């Protein structure tokens, strides 16, 4: 991924935000589950989690424990700022990006490795 390319989780959050603002998801309505979006768009669960956390930080949705994510009552036009929710979401996203980054010469997370036993003669 080049430095100018939008991260996948940000692109997903932007897409969901447009849908919310365009009325595809109404105030108080539950968004599709993390699993549904991951399956529908063929994204990893971590990508969807990061996108939902970004939507929370933007003040567009609220999580309800055990029930999912819901469009907030009052959706205002805001930009991400230095709020604790935004900083927390971005710290989580940063941590995930750092753990999942792909360095040349290293196996990426989820790559299968076939191990062969060492045989001494």
C-alpha atoms as a PDB file:
ATOM      1  CA  UNK A   1       0.000   0.000   0.000  1.00  0.00           C
ATOM      2  CA  UNK A   2       1.444   3.346  -0.981  1.00  0.00           C
ATOM      3  CA  UNK A   3       1.459   6.223   1.471  1.00  0.00           C
ATOM      4  CA  UNK A   4      -1.201   8.051  -0.597  1.00  0.00           C
ATOM      5  CA  UNK A   5      -3.632   5.126  -0.740  1.00  0.00           C
ATOM      6  CA  UNK A   6      -6.516   5.277   1.740  1.00  0.00           C
ATOM      7  CA  UNK A   7      -6.421   2.398   4.241  1.00  0.00           C
ATOM      8  CA  UNK A   8      -9.190  -0.147   3.668  1.00  0.00           C
ATOM      9  CA  UNK A   9     -10.813   0.458   7.070  1.00  0.00           C
ATOM     10  CA  UNK A  10     -10.973   4.206   6.377  1.00  0.00           C
ATOM     11  CA  UNK A  11     -12.510   3.641   2.941  1.00  0.00           C
ATOM     12  CA  UNK A  12     -15.120   1.343   4.527  1.00  0.00           C
ATOM     13  CA  UNK A  13     -15.897   3.898   7.254  1.00  0.00           C
ATOM     14  CA  UNK A  14     -16.204   6.633   4.606  1.00  0.00           C
ATOM     15  CA  UNK A  15     -18.590   4.464   2.570  1.00  0.00           C
ATOM     16  CA  UNK A  16     -20.770   3.695   5.601  1.00  0.00           C
ATOM     17  CA  UNK A  17     -20.732   7.380   6.593  1.00  0.00           C
ATOM     18  CA  UNK A  18     -22.001   8.367   3.124  1.00  0.00           C
ATOM     19  CA  UNK A  19     -24.782   5.793   3.419  1.00  0.00           C
ATOM     20  CA  UNK A  20     -25.775   7.142   6.833  1.00  0.00           C
ATOM     21  CA  UNK A  21     -25.759  10.750   5.617  1.00  0.00           C
ATOM     22  CA  UNK A  22     -27.702   9.788   2.468  1.00  0.00           C
ATOM     23  CA  UNK A  23     -30.382   8.104   4.590  1.00  0.00           C
ATOM     24  CA  UNK A  24     -29.671   4.475   3.695  1.00  0.00           C
ATOM     25  CA  UNK A  25     -29.427   3.901   7.452  1.00  0.00           C
ATOM     26  CA  UNK A  26     -31.914   5.929   9.502  1.00  0.00           C
ATOM     27  CA  UNK A  27     -31.465   7.432  12.961  1.00  0.00           C
ATOM     28  CA  UNK A  28     -31.699   4.675  15.570  1.00  0.00           C
ATOM     29  CA  UNK A  29     -31.353   1.924  12.960  1.00  0.00           C
ATOM     30  CA  UNK A  30     -28.971  -0.963  13.532  1.00  0.00           C
ATOM     31  CA  UNK A  31     -26.121  -1.304  11.074  1.00  0.00           C
ATOM     32  CA  UNK A  32     -25.366  -4.722   9.606  1.00  0.00           C
ATOM     33  CA  UNK A  33     -23.247  -6.880  11.896  1.00  0.00           C
ATOM     34  CA  UNK A  34     -19.475  -6.996  11.683  1.00  0.00           C
ATOM     35  CA  UNK A  35     -19.720 -10.527  10.331  1.00  0.00           C
ATOM     36  CA  UNK A  36     -22.288  -9.548   7.682  1.00  0.00           C
ATOM     37  CA  UNK A  37     -20.162  -6.694   6.364  1.00  0.00           C
ATOM     38  CA  UNK A  38     -16.986  -8.785   6.452  1.00  0.00           C
ATOM     39  CA  UNK A  39     -18.685 -11.536   4.456  1.00  0.00           C
ATOM     40  CA  UNK A  40     -20.497  -9.201   2.058  1.00  0.00           C
ATOM     41  CA  UNK A  41     -17.409  -7.159   1.189  1.00  0.00           C
ATOM     42  CA  UNK A  42     -14.853  -9.946   1.660  1.00  0.00           C
ATOM     43  CA  UNK A  43     -12.975  -7.983   4.362  1.00  0.00           C
ATOM     44  CA  UNK A  44     -11.307  -9.300   7.469  1.00  0.00           C
ATOM     45  CA  UNK A  45     -13.187  -8.866  10.726  1.00  0.00           C
ATOM     46  CA  UNK A  46     -10.368  -6.607  11.984  1.00  0.00           C
ATOM     47  CA  UNK A  47     -10.879  -4.231   9.038  1.00  0.00           C
ATOM     48  CA  UNK A  48     -14.588  -3.950   9.811  1.00  0.00           C
ATOM     49  CA  UNK A  49     -13.933  -3.484  13.549  1.00  0.00           C
ATOM     50  CA  UNK A  50     -11.515  -0.635  12.795  1.00  0.00           C
ATOM     51  CA  UNK A  51     -14.065   0.989  10.446  1.00  0.00           C
ATOM     52  CA  UNK A  52     -16.822   0.780  13.078  1.00  0.00           C
ATOM     53  CA  UNK A  53     -14.492   2.246  15.724  1.00  0.00           C
ATOM     54  CA  UNK A  54     -13.768   5.123  13.357  1.00  0.00           C
ATOM     55  CA  UNK A  55     -17.516   5.703  12.881  1.00  0.00           C
ATOM     56  CA  UNK A  56     -17.912   5.787  16.666  1.00  0.00           C
ATOM     57  CA  UNK A  57     -15.056   8.278  16.922  1.00  0.00           C
ATOM     58  CA  UNK A  58     -16.706  10.423  14.235  1.00  0.00           C
ATOM     59  CA  UNK A  59     -19.875  10.502  16.343  1.00  0.00           C
ATOM     60  CA  UNK A  60     -22.029   8.754  13.737  1.00  0.00           C
ATOM     61  CA  UNK A  61     -22.827   5.479  15.459  1.00  0.00           C
ATOM     62  CA  UNK A  62     -22.947   4.118  18.966  1.00  0.00           C
ATOM     63  CA  UNK A  63     -22.205   0.591  20.124  1.00  0.00           C
ATOM     64  CA  UNK A  64     -24.784  -1.153  22.271  1.00  0.00           C
ATOM     65  CA  UNK A  65     -23.308  -4.042  24.206  1.00  0.00           C
ATOM     66  CA  UNK A  66     -24.546  -7.335  22.804  1.00  0.00           C
ATOM     67  CA  UNK A  67     -26.828  -5.636  20.262  1.00  0.00           C
ATOM     68  CA  UNK A  68     -24.538  -4.087  17.644  1.00  0.00           C
ATOM     69  CA  UNK A  69     -23.928  -0.603  16.278  1.00  0.00           C
ATOM     70  CA  UNK A  70     -26.727   1.927  15.808  1.00  0.00           C
ATOM     71  CA  UNK A  71     -26.962   5.253  13.991  1.00  0.00           C
ATOM     72  CA  UNK A  72     -26.858   7.997  16.612  1.00  0.00           C
ATOM     73  CA  UNK A  73     -29.891  10.175  17.254  1.00  0.00           C
ATOM     74  CA  UNK A  74     -28.155  13.344  16.206  1.00  0.00           C
ATOM     75  CA  UNK A  75     -25.734  12.979  13.327  1.00  0.00           C
ATOM     76  CA  UNK A  76     -23.714  16.152  12.990  1.00  0.00           C
ATOM     77  CA  UNK A  77     -21.174  17.109  10.387  1.00  0.00           C
ATOM     78  CA  UNK A  78     -17.918  16.750  12.282  1.00  0.00           C
ATOM     79  CA  UNK A  79     -14.346  16.080  11.412  1.00  0.00           C
ATOM     80  CA  UNK A  80     -12.208  13.741  13.497  1.00  0.00           C
ATOM     81  CA  UNK A  81     -10.536  15.768  16.195  1.00  0.00           C
ATOM     82  CA  UNK A  82      -8.620  15.382  19.393  1.00  0.00           C
ATOM     83  CA  UNK A  83     -11.448  13.788  21.383  1.00  0.00           C
ATOM     84  CA  UNK A  84     -10.730  10.855  23.715  1.00  0.00           C
ATOM     85  CA  UNK A  85     -12.984   8.568  21.627  1.00  0.00           C
ATOM     86  CA  UNK A  86     -11.140   9.447  18.421  1.00  0.00           C
ATOM     87  CA  UNK A  87      -7.725   9.074  20.030  1.00  0.00           C
ATOM     88  CA  UNK A  88      -8.715   5.703  21.491  1.00  0.00           C
ATOM     89  CA  UNK A  89     -10.010   4.456  18.152  1.00  0.00           C
ATOM     90  CA  UNK A  90      -6.929   5.666  16.331  1.00  0.00           C
ATOM     91  CA  UNK A  91      -4.612   4.082  18.913  1.00  0.00           C
ATOM     92  CA  UNK A  92      -6.361   0.756  18.329  1.00  0.00           C
ATOM     93  CA  UNK A  93      -6.149   1.209  14.565  1.00  0.00           C
ATOM     94  CA  UNK A  94      -2.473   2.182  14.786  1.00  0.00           C
ATOM     95  CA  UNK A  95      -1.723  -0.867  16.908  1.00  0.00           C
ATOM     96  CA  UNK A  96      -3.536  -3.167  14.476  1.00  0.00           C
ATOM     97  CA  UNK A  97      -1.732  -1.598  11.508  1.00  0.00           C
ATOM     98  CA  UNK A  98       1.630  -2.004  13.201  1.00  0.00           C
ATOM     99  CA  UNK A  99       0.911  -5.640  14.027  1.00  0.00           C
ATOM    100  CA  UNK A 100      -0.389  -6.452  10.562  1.00  0.00           C
ATOM    101  CA  UNK A 101       2.030  -4.447   8.401  1.00  0.00           C
ATOM    102  CA  UNK A 102       3.770  -6.335   5.675  1.00  0.00           C
ATOM    103  CA  UNK A 103       7.557  -6.006   5.790  1.00  0.00           C
ATOM    104  CA  UNK A 104       9.696  -7.312   2.916  1.00  0.00           C
ATOM    105  CA  UNK A 105      11.126 -10.725   3.707  1.00  0.00           C
ATOM    106  CA  UNK A 106       8.673 -11.452   6.523  1.00  0.00           C
ATOM    107  CA  UNK A 107       5.644 -13.691   6.544  1.00  0.00           C
ATOM    108  CA  UNK A 108       2.362 -11.855   6.837  1.00  0.00           C
ATOM    109  CA  UNK A 109      -0.199 -12.704   9.498  1.00  0.00           C
ATOM    110  CA  UNK A 110      -2.157 -15.744   8.411  1.00  0.00           C
ATOM    111  CA  UNK A 111       0.454 -17.066   5.977  1.00  0.00           C
ATOM    112  CA  UNK A 112       0.723 -20.811   6.238  1.00  0.00           C
ATOM    113  CA  UNK A 113       4.129 -22.204   7.005  1.00  0.00           C
ATOM    114  CA  UNK A 114       4.973 -25.835   6.486  1.00  0.00           C
ATOM    115  CA  UNK A 115       7.512 -26.979   9.027  1.00  0.00           C
ATOM    116  CA  UNK A 116       9.769 -29.928   8.297  1.00  0.00           C
ATOM    117  CA  UNK A 117      11.390 -31.861  11.096  1.00  0.00           C
ATOM    118  CA  UNK A 118      15.156 -31.590  11.330  1.00  0.00           C
ATOM    119  CA  UNK A 119      16.678 -34.909  10.424  1.00  0.00           C
ATOM    120  CA  UNK A 120      20.202 -35.595  11.590  1.00  0.00           C
ATOM    121  CA  UNK A 121      22.308 -38.277   9.966  1.00  0.00           C
END
